[in-house]
Structure formats: structure tokens, C-alpha cells
N, C-alpha and C. Protein backbone atom coordinates (compact mmCIF):
# COMPACT_ATOMS: atom_id res chain seq x y z
N MET A 1 9.37 76.00 -50.89
CA MET A 1 9.85 76.95 -51.76
C MET A 1 8.64 77.28 -52.68
N GLU A 2 8.13 76.32 -53.34
CA GLU A 2 7.06 76.43 -54.18
C GLU A 2 6.07 77.34 -53.85
N PHE A 3 5.59 77.28 -52.34
CA PHE A 3 4.68 78.50 -51.84
C PHE A 3 4.94 79.92 -52.01
N ILE A 4 6.50 80.08 -51.87
CA ILE A 4 7.05 81.49 -52.29
C ILE A 4 6.60 81.79 -53.71
N PHE A 5 6.73 81.14 -54.58
CA PHE A 5 6.62 81.25 -55.90
C PHE A 5 5.10 81.45 -56.47
N THR A 6 4.22 80.64 -55.65
CA THR A 6 2.70 80.84 -55.80
C THR A 6 2.36 82.57 -55.41
N LEU A 7 3.19 82.71 -54.10
CA LEU A 7 2.90 84.12 -53.56
C LEU A 7 3.21 85.06 -54.54
N LEU A 8 4.43 84.91 -55.15
CA LEU A 8 4.76 86.03 -56.26
C LEU A 8 3.83 86.07 -57.51
N ASN A 9 3.36 84.72 -57.97
CA ASN A 9 2.42 84.86 -58.96
C ASN A 9 1.11 85.37 -58.50
N ILE A 10 0.42 85.32 -57.20
CA ILE A 10 -0.51 86.08 -56.66
C ILE A 10 -0.18 87.58 -56.78
N ALA A 11 0.90 88.03 -56.29
CA ALA A 11 1.34 89.46 -56.10
C ALA A 11 1.41 89.97 -57.49
N ALA A 12 1.90 89.20 -58.67
CA ALA A 12 1.84 89.58 -60.03
C ALA A 12 0.48 89.95 -60.49
N LEU A 13 -0.46 89.00 -60.11
CA LEU A 13 -1.85 89.11 -60.61
C LEU A 13 -2.53 90.24 -60.09
N LEU A 14 -2.07 90.43 -58.75
CA LEU A 14 -2.81 91.84 -58.24
C LEU A 14 -2.05 93.08 -58.54
N GLY A 15 -0.86 92.97 -58.89
CA GLY A 15 -0.08 94.22 -59.32
C GLY A 15 -0.86 94.47 -60.56
N TRP A 16 -1.03 93.47 -61.65
CA TRP A 16 -1.57 93.80 -62.85
C TRP A 16 -3.03 94.37 -62.75
N CYS A 17 -3.70 93.86 -61.83
CA CYS A 17 -5.15 94.41 -61.69
C CYS A 17 -4.99 95.80 -61.12
N ILE A 18 -4.08 96.08 -60.34
CA ILE A 18 -3.79 97.54 -59.74
C ILE A 18 -3.69 98.49 -60.93
N VAL A 19 -2.72 97.82 -61.79
CA VAL A 19 -2.31 98.89 -63.08
C VAL A 19 -3.45 99.13 -63.74
N LEU A 20 -4.13 98.15 -64.07
CA LEU A 20 -5.42 98.03 -64.91
C LEU A 20 -6.52 99.18 -64.32
N VAL A 21 -6.71 98.89 -63.13
CA VAL A 21 -7.44 99.88 -62.32
C VAL A 21 -7.11 101.39 -62.57
N LEU A 22 -5.86 101.53 -62.38
CA LEU A 22 -5.30 102.82 -62.47
C LEU A 22 -5.62 103.35 -63.59
N LEU A 23 -5.09 102.60 -64.81
CA LEU A 23 -5.40 102.85 -66.18
C LEU A 23 -6.84 103.41 -66.58
N ILE A 24 -7.88 102.65 -66.02
CA ILE A 24 -9.30 103.02 -66.32
C ILE A 24 -9.50 104.31 -65.47
N MET A 25 -9.19 104.24 -64.16
CA MET A 25 -9.54 105.58 -63.22
C MET A 25 -8.78 106.65 -64.10
N HIS A 26 -7.66 106.79 -64.77
CA HIS A 26 -6.88 107.78 -65.16
C HIS A 26 -7.75 108.24 -66.56
N THR A 27 -8.18 107.16 -67.37
CA THR A 27 -8.60 107.56 -68.57
C THR A 27 -10.31 107.80 -68.43
N HIS A 28 -10.88 107.66 -67.17
CA HIS A 28 -12.39 107.92 -67.00
C HIS A 28 -12.76 109.00 -65.96
N THR A 29 -11.76 109.75 -65.59
CA THR A 29 -11.91 110.56 -64.44
C THR A 29 -11.72 112.03 -64.98
N GLN A 30 -11.86 112.89 -64.44
CA GLN A 30 -11.84 114.37 -64.62
C GLN A 30 -10.63 114.87 -64.28
N HIS A 31 -9.51 114.07 -63.45
CA HIS A 31 -8.25 114.38 -63.09
C HIS A 31 -7.35 114.57 -64.51
N ILE A 32 -6.90 116.01 -64.55
CA ILE A 32 -6.05 115.94 -65.79
C ILE A 32 -4.58 115.46 -65.42
N TYR A 33 -3.80 115.27 -66.17
CA TYR A 33 -2.45 114.84 -65.99
C TYR A 33 -1.84 115.13 -64.90
N ASP A 34 -1.15 114.43 -63.98
CA ASP A 34 -0.28 114.79 -63.08
C ASP A 34 0.90 113.85 -63.17
N GLU A 35 2.43 114.29 -62.84
CA GLU A 35 3.31 113.43 -63.09
C GLU A 35 3.45 112.37 -62.19
N VAL A 36 2.79 112.31 -61.02
CA VAL A 36 2.73 111.33 -60.00
C VAL A 36 2.09 109.99 -60.51
N TRP A 37 0.96 110.16 -61.37
CA TRP A 37 0.01 109.19 -61.85
C TRP A 37 1.21 108.19 -62.69
N TYR A 38 1.79 108.66 -63.49
CA TYR A 38 2.46 107.70 -64.53
C TYR A 38 3.94 107.35 -63.97
N GLU A 39 4.59 108.10 -62.93
CA GLU A 39 5.66 107.69 -62.02
C GLU A 39 5.12 106.16 -61.20
N GLN A 40 3.82 106.35 -60.66
CA GLN A 40 3.62 105.31 -59.95
C GLN A 40 3.45 104.00 -60.72
N ILE A 41 2.76 104.11 -62.09
CA ILE A 41 2.74 103.23 -62.69
C ILE A 41 4.00 102.57 -63.17
N ILE A 42 4.92 103.39 -63.53
CA ILE A 42 6.15 102.87 -64.06
C ILE A 42 6.95 102.26 -62.96
N THR A 43 6.77 102.51 -61.66
CA THR A 43 7.41 101.87 -60.57
C THR A 43 6.64 100.43 -60.17
N ILE A 44 5.17 100.38 -60.31
CA ILE A 44 4.61 99.11 -60.31
C ILE A 44 5.14 98.09 -61.44
N LEU A 45 5.34 98.72 -62.60
CA LEU A 45 5.65 97.87 -63.68
C LEU A 45 6.92 97.43 -63.60
N LYS A 46 7.75 98.22 -62.91
CA LYS A 46 9.31 97.40 -62.77
C LYS A 46 9.47 96.32 -61.76
N TYR A 47 8.39 96.60 -60.65
CA TYR A 47 8.38 95.33 -59.89
C TYR A 47 7.67 94.31 -60.48
N LEU A 48 6.87 94.36 -61.21
CA LEU A 48 6.11 93.30 -62.00
C LEU A 48 7.18 92.71 -62.89
N GLU A 49 8.05 93.39 -63.38
CA GLU A 49 9.01 92.84 -64.46
C GLU A 49 9.88 91.99 -63.70
N VAL A 50 10.24 92.24 -62.52
CA VAL A 50 11.18 91.71 -61.71
C VAL A 50 10.72 90.27 -61.42
N ILE A 51 9.34 90.25 -61.06
CA ILE A 51 8.86 89.05 -60.89
C ILE A 51 8.91 88.06 -61.96
N CYS A 52 8.56 88.75 -63.31
CA CYS A 52 8.56 87.94 -64.66
C CYS A 52 10.18 87.45 -64.73
N CYS A 53 11.10 88.40 -64.56
CA CYS A 53 12.62 87.81 -64.70
C CYS A 53 12.62 86.54 -63.76
N ILE A 54 12.19 86.56 -62.79
CA ILE A 54 12.34 85.40 -61.77
C ILE A 54 11.55 84.42 -62.47
N GLU A 55 10.74 84.17 -63.17
CA GLU A 55 10.00 83.18 -63.87
C GLU A 55 10.89 82.64 -64.96
N VAL A 56 11.64 83.85 -65.57
CA VAL A 56 12.27 83.50 -66.85
C VAL A 56 13.59 82.75 -66.25
N GLY A 57 14.21 83.12 -65.06
CA GLY A 57 15.32 82.49 -64.55
C GLY A 57 14.97 80.96 -64.10
N ARG A 58 13.72 80.94 -63.77
CA ARG A 58 13.29 79.49 -63.30
C ARG A 58 13.28 78.73 -64.53
N ILE A 59 12.87 79.14 -65.56
CA ILE A 59 12.93 78.35 -66.70
C ILE A 59 14.23 78.21 -67.39
N ALA A 60 15.24 78.92 -67.13
CA ALA A 60 16.62 78.94 -67.26
C ALA A 60 17.11 77.67 -66.56
N ILE A 61 16.82 77.71 -65.39
CA ILE A 61 17.79 76.32 -64.47
C ILE A 61 16.66 75.34 -64.54
N GLY A 62 15.41 75.14 -65.22
CA GLY A 62 14.91 73.95 -65.29
C GLY A 62 13.95 73.81 -64.46
N GLN A 63 13.44 74.67 -63.74
CA GLN A 63 12.48 74.54 -62.67
C GLN A 63 10.99 74.45 -63.30
N LEU A 64 10.79 75.28 -64.44
CA LEU A 64 9.55 75.66 -65.09
C LEU A 64 9.78 75.06 -66.60
N LYS A 65 8.80 74.70 -67.42
CA LYS A 65 8.87 74.40 -68.74
C LYS A 65 8.56 75.70 -69.42
N GLY A 66 9.09 75.99 -70.28
CA GLY A 66 8.84 77.15 -71.00
C GLY A 66 10.04 77.45 -72.18
N ASN A 67 9.56 78.18 -72.98
CA ASN A 67 10.66 78.74 -73.92
C ASN A 67 11.42 79.99 -73.61
N LEU A 68 12.64 79.59 -73.31
CA LEU A 68 13.55 80.36 -72.78
C LEU A 68 13.83 81.38 -73.63
N VAL A 69 14.15 81.31 -74.83
CA VAL A 69 14.53 82.33 -75.73
C VAL A 69 13.38 83.39 -75.99
N LEU A 70 12.10 82.91 -76.23
CA LEU A 70 11.11 83.66 -76.04
C LEU A 70 10.96 84.50 -74.94
N GLY A 71 10.84 83.99 -74.04
CA GLY A 71 10.90 84.64 -72.47
C GLY A 71 11.89 85.61 -72.28
N LEU A 72 13.05 85.22 -72.83
CA LEU A 72 14.34 86.36 -72.73
C LEU A 72 13.82 87.55 -73.47
N VAL A 73 13.57 87.08 -75.09
CA VAL A 73 13.37 88.34 -75.89
C VAL A 73 11.97 89.04 -75.30
N LEU A 74 11.10 88.35 -74.85
CA LEU A 74 9.81 89.14 -74.66
C LEU A 74 9.98 89.93 -73.44
N HIS A 75 10.80 89.78 -72.47
CA HIS A 75 11.05 90.50 -71.32
C HIS A 75 12.10 91.58 -71.52
N MET A 76 12.99 91.16 -72.39
CA MET A 76 13.87 92.20 -72.79
C MET A 76 13.26 93.53 -73.52
N ILE A 77 12.11 93.03 -74.23
CA ILE A 77 11.50 94.08 -75.07
C ILE A 77 10.71 94.97 -73.97
N ARG A 78 9.86 94.23 -73.07
CA ARG A 78 9.24 94.81 -72.02
C ARG A 78 9.83 95.66 -71.21
N ILE A 79 11.30 95.31 -70.71
CA ILE A 79 12.06 96.18 -69.94
C ILE A 79 12.49 97.48 -70.81
N SER A 80 12.78 97.18 -72.16
CA SER A 80 13.17 98.45 -72.97
C SER A 80 11.89 99.25 -73.05
N CYS A 81 10.70 98.74 -72.97
CA CYS A 81 9.48 99.51 -73.13
C CYS A 81 9.29 100.50 -71.72
N ILE A 82 9.54 99.71 -70.67
CA ILE A 82 9.18 100.30 -69.43
C ILE A 82 10.37 101.65 -69.09
N VAL A 83 11.47 101.11 -69.66
CA VAL A 83 12.62 102.22 -69.29
C VAL A 83 12.76 103.38 -70.22
N PHE A 84 12.59 103.08 -71.40
CA PHE A 84 13.01 104.12 -72.66
C PHE A 84 11.44 104.67 -73.18
N VAL A 85 10.22 103.86 -73.46
CA VAL A 85 9.29 104.19 -74.23
C VAL A 85 8.24 104.66 -73.30
N LEU A 86 7.76 103.95 -72.29
CA LEU A 86 6.53 104.52 -71.65
C LEU A 86 6.76 105.69 -70.78
N PRO A 87 7.74 106.11 -70.29
CA PRO A 87 7.92 107.32 -69.40
C PRO A 87 7.45 108.39 -70.19
N ASP A 88 8.13 108.45 -71.40
CA ASP A 88 7.83 109.52 -72.32
C ASP A 88 6.42 109.59 -72.95
N GLY A 89 5.95 108.35 -73.25
CA GLY A 89 4.64 108.22 -73.82
C GLY A 89 3.55 108.55 -72.77
N LEU A 90 3.65 107.96 -71.36
CA LEU A 90 2.82 108.48 -70.47
C LEU A 90 2.77 109.91 -69.89
N ALA A 91 3.88 110.61 -70.27
CA ALA A 91 3.85 111.87 -69.75
C ALA A 91 3.45 112.86 -70.63
N THR A 92 2.96 112.32 -71.82
CA THR A 92 2.18 112.98 -72.87
C THR A 92 0.70 113.17 -72.39
N ASN A 93 0.16 114.21 -72.27
CA ASN A 93 -1.41 114.14 -71.52
C ASN A 93 -2.29 114.01 -72.96
N PRO A 94 -2.99 113.08 -72.95
CA PRO A 94 -4.08 113.02 -73.99
C PRO A 94 -5.38 113.65 -73.69
N VAL A 95 -5.67 114.31 -72.41
CA VAL A 95 -6.84 114.35 -71.94
C VAL A 95 -7.13 115.80 -71.98
N LYS A 96 -8.19 116.30 -72.68
CA LYS A 96 -8.53 117.70 -72.92
C LYS A 96 -8.67 118.58 -71.68
N SER A 97 -8.67 119.80 -71.82
CA SER A 97 -8.59 120.95 -70.57
C SER A 97 -10.12 120.48 -69.82
N THR A 98 -10.10 121.06 -68.67
CA THR A 98 -11.44 120.86 -67.75
C THR A 98 -12.60 121.42 -68.49
N ALA A 99 -12.39 122.31 -69.10
CA ALA A 99 -13.64 123.15 -69.92
C ALA A 99 -14.36 122.00 -70.94
N GLU A 100 -13.52 121.15 -71.32
CA GLU A 100 -13.81 120.30 -72.35
C GLU A 100 -14.42 119.04 -71.93
N MET A 101 -14.67 118.92 -70.80
CA MET A 101 -15.22 117.56 -70.03
C MET A 101 -16.74 117.41 -70.45
N ASN A 102 -16.86 116.16 -70.35
CA ASN A 102 -18.21 115.88 -70.77
C ASN A 102 -18.86 115.10 -69.58
N ASP A 103 -19.87 115.85 -68.85
CA ASP A 103 -20.40 115.08 -67.63
C ASP A 103 -19.43 114.54 -66.60
N GLY A 104 -18.37 115.31 -66.51
CA GLY A 104 -17.45 114.71 -65.41
C GLY A 104 -16.41 113.94 -65.84
N TYR A 105 -16.32 113.22 -66.99
CA TYR A 105 -15.63 112.46 -67.58
C TYR A 105 -14.69 113.09 -68.53
N ALA A 106 -13.41 112.70 -68.46
CA ALA A 106 -12.32 113.15 -69.49
C ALA A 106 -12.56 112.68 -70.91
N ILE A 107 -12.22 113.47 -71.70
CA ILE A 107 -12.55 113.08 -72.96
C ILE A 107 -10.96 112.95 -73.62
N LEU A 108 -10.77 111.78 -74.38
CA LEU A 108 -9.52 111.65 -74.72
C LEU A 108 -9.45 112.30 -76.28
N GLU A 109 -8.47 112.92 -76.57
CA GLU A 109 -8.23 113.43 -77.79
C GLU A 109 -7.88 112.28 -78.62
N GLN A 110 -6.80 111.71 -78.30
CA GLN A 110 -6.30 110.44 -79.06
C GLN A 110 -5.47 109.70 -77.97
N PRO A 111 -5.97 108.41 -77.70
CA PRO A 111 -5.23 107.63 -76.42
C PRO A 111 -3.61 107.62 -77.12
N SER A 112 -2.71 107.60 -76.31
CA SER A 112 -1.44 107.51 -76.81
C SER A 112 -1.04 106.05 -76.72
N SER A 113 -0.08 105.85 -77.68
CA SER A 113 0.12 104.24 -77.87
C SER A 113 0.64 103.69 -76.63
N SER A 114 1.02 104.63 -75.74
CA SER A 114 1.71 103.86 -74.41
C SER A 114 0.49 103.45 -73.60
N LEU A 115 -0.56 104.19 -73.61
CA LEU A 115 -1.68 103.74 -72.84
C LEU A 115 -2.39 102.48 -73.52
N LEU A 116 -2.39 102.22 -74.79
CA LEU A 116 -2.74 101.04 -75.38
C LEU A 116 -2.10 99.93 -75.02
N ILE A 117 -0.52 100.16 -75.16
CA ILE A 117 0.26 99.04 -74.83
C ILE A 117 -0.11 98.69 -73.29
N LEU A 118 -0.13 99.46 -72.36
CA LEU A 118 -0.54 99.12 -70.81
C LEU A 118 -1.76 98.31 -70.98
N PHE A 119 -2.94 98.96 -71.62
CA PHE A 119 -4.01 98.12 -71.61
C PHE A 119 -3.95 96.77 -72.13
N SER A 120 -3.19 96.57 -73.02
CA SER A 120 -3.16 95.18 -73.75
C SER A 120 -2.25 94.39 -72.89
N TRP A 121 -1.23 94.79 -72.26
CA TRP A 121 -0.45 94.03 -71.43
C TRP A 121 -1.08 93.90 -70.25
N CYS A 122 -1.95 94.69 -69.50
CA CYS A 122 -2.73 94.42 -68.30
C CYS A 122 -3.85 93.27 -68.75
N ILE A 123 -4.44 93.37 -69.56
CA ILE A 123 -5.51 92.44 -70.18
C ILE A 123 -4.83 91.01 -70.28
N THR A 124 -3.68 90.99 -71.00
CA THR A 124 -2.99 89.76 -71.20
C THR A 124 -2.78 89.13 -70.22
N GLU A 125 -1.99 89.94 -69.01
CA GLU A 125 -1.49 89.28 -67.85
C GLU A 125 -2.44 89.07 -67.03
N VAL A 126 -3.40 89.71 -66.83
CA VAL A 126 -4.63 89.14 -65.86
C VAL A 126 -5.47 88.27 -66.29
N THR A 127 -5.69 87.92 -67.74
CA THR A 127 -6.48 86.79 -68.34
C THR A 127 -5.50 85.55 -68.27
N VAL A 128 -4.17 85.57 -68.49
CA VAL A 128 -3.33 84.37 -68.52
C VAL A 128 -3.23 83.92 -67.10
N SER A 129 -2.92 84.90 -66.29
CA SER A 129 -2.64 84.60 -64.65
C SER A 129 -3.88 83.97 -64.20
N LYS A 130 -5.15 84.46 -64.33
CA LYS A 130 -6.40 83.76 -64.10
C LYS A 130 -6.64 82.40 -64.54
N LEU A 131 -6.24 82.31 -65.64
CA LEU A 131 -6.48 80.91 -66.44
C LEU A 131 -5.32 79.91 -65.79
N LEU A 132 -4.24 80.36 -65.42
CA LEU A 132 -3.16 79.40 -65.09
C LEU A 132 -3.46 79.09 -63.59
N PHE A 133 -4.14 80.01 -62.77
CA PHE A 133 -4.58 79.83 -61.44
C PHE A 133 -5.62 78.58 -61.46
N VAL A 134 -6.57 78.71 -62.38
CA VAL A 134 -7.74 78.04 -62.21
C VAL A 134 -7.36 76.57 -62.80
N CYS A 135 -6.29 76.68 -63.84
CA CYS A 135 -6.19 75.24 -64.57
C CYS A 135 -5.37 74.45 -63.34
N PHE A 136 -4.56 75.29 -62.55
CA PHE A 136 -3.49 74.33 -61.55
C PHE A 136 -4.43 74.53 -60.29
N ASP A 137 -5.55 75.00 -60.22
CA ASP A 137 -6.26 74.83 -58.83
C ASP A 137 -5.37 75.41 -57.63
N ILE A 138 -4.50 76.69 -58.06
CA ILE A 138 -4.24 77.27 -56.87
C ILE A 138 -4.48 78.60 -56.70
N PHE A 139 -5.69 79.01 -57.10
CA PHE A 139 -6.03 80.44 -56.99
C PHE A 139 -6.88 80.26 -55.54
N ILE A 140 -6.76 81.50 -54.84
CA ILE A 140 -7.18 81.42 -53.35
C ILE A 140 -8.85 81.27 -53.20
């Protein structure tokens, strides 16, 4: 059973890496906003949050050490953001028109708070996951 949880952790790490790459590609390419982009991000985030909720459940039943109250509050805030805040925030296009491109790169007028939230989540999850894998010597 532990092997399955290790695979879930690896899947979560890869998922957060994919979200980070998609964010970087979206902010540094000449592709102007399209609805498909942010719907893909939200879908991936929902799956990643399910994996996190499994981890909180494991803390609740005593399989993992951790602060249950902190885990519940943190992930309820994240679920609220994924369902209510991020879809509207990512739907706002901060990229200027094609005529205002600079050498093929999009110019952000002002990064939305949703993009900044996602960047911070991705960087946190990728670095923490990588550190845990290295510390417990279970990284592939």
C-alpha cells in the first residue's frame, strides 16, 4: 500500500511541475489568452488537491505525522481558491495585444494575483516535494 502513496506523491510532483511549466509558457509566449488554457490549469489543480486531501486523510487516521488542523484549514482555503477565486482571476487576460509584443514575447501589463498565487503554490510544492523525496531517499 505504501507503494501506491509513493506513486501518488510522484504524480503530485509531476503535476505541480506541469502547472509551473504551463504558467511559464503562458506568461512568456505570444499566445494571447484562450479559455482552454485556464480550464486545463483548474482541472489539473483539482486533481492535485484530491491527492493532497488523501494525505490529510492519512494524517487524520494516524498513518502520517502532521498537524491535522493546519492541513484541514490549508486545504480548505486552497479548495476555495480553486473553485471560487482562480477561475475568475485566470479568465482576466493580463497580456497586451499582439501589436504590443516585444520580440515575440508577451508583455504583462500587470500580473494578476491569481498568477502570482499559482506561481507561489507551484514553487512551494515542487521544492517541498523534491526535498521530501531526497530526504527519504524515495526519489526515482
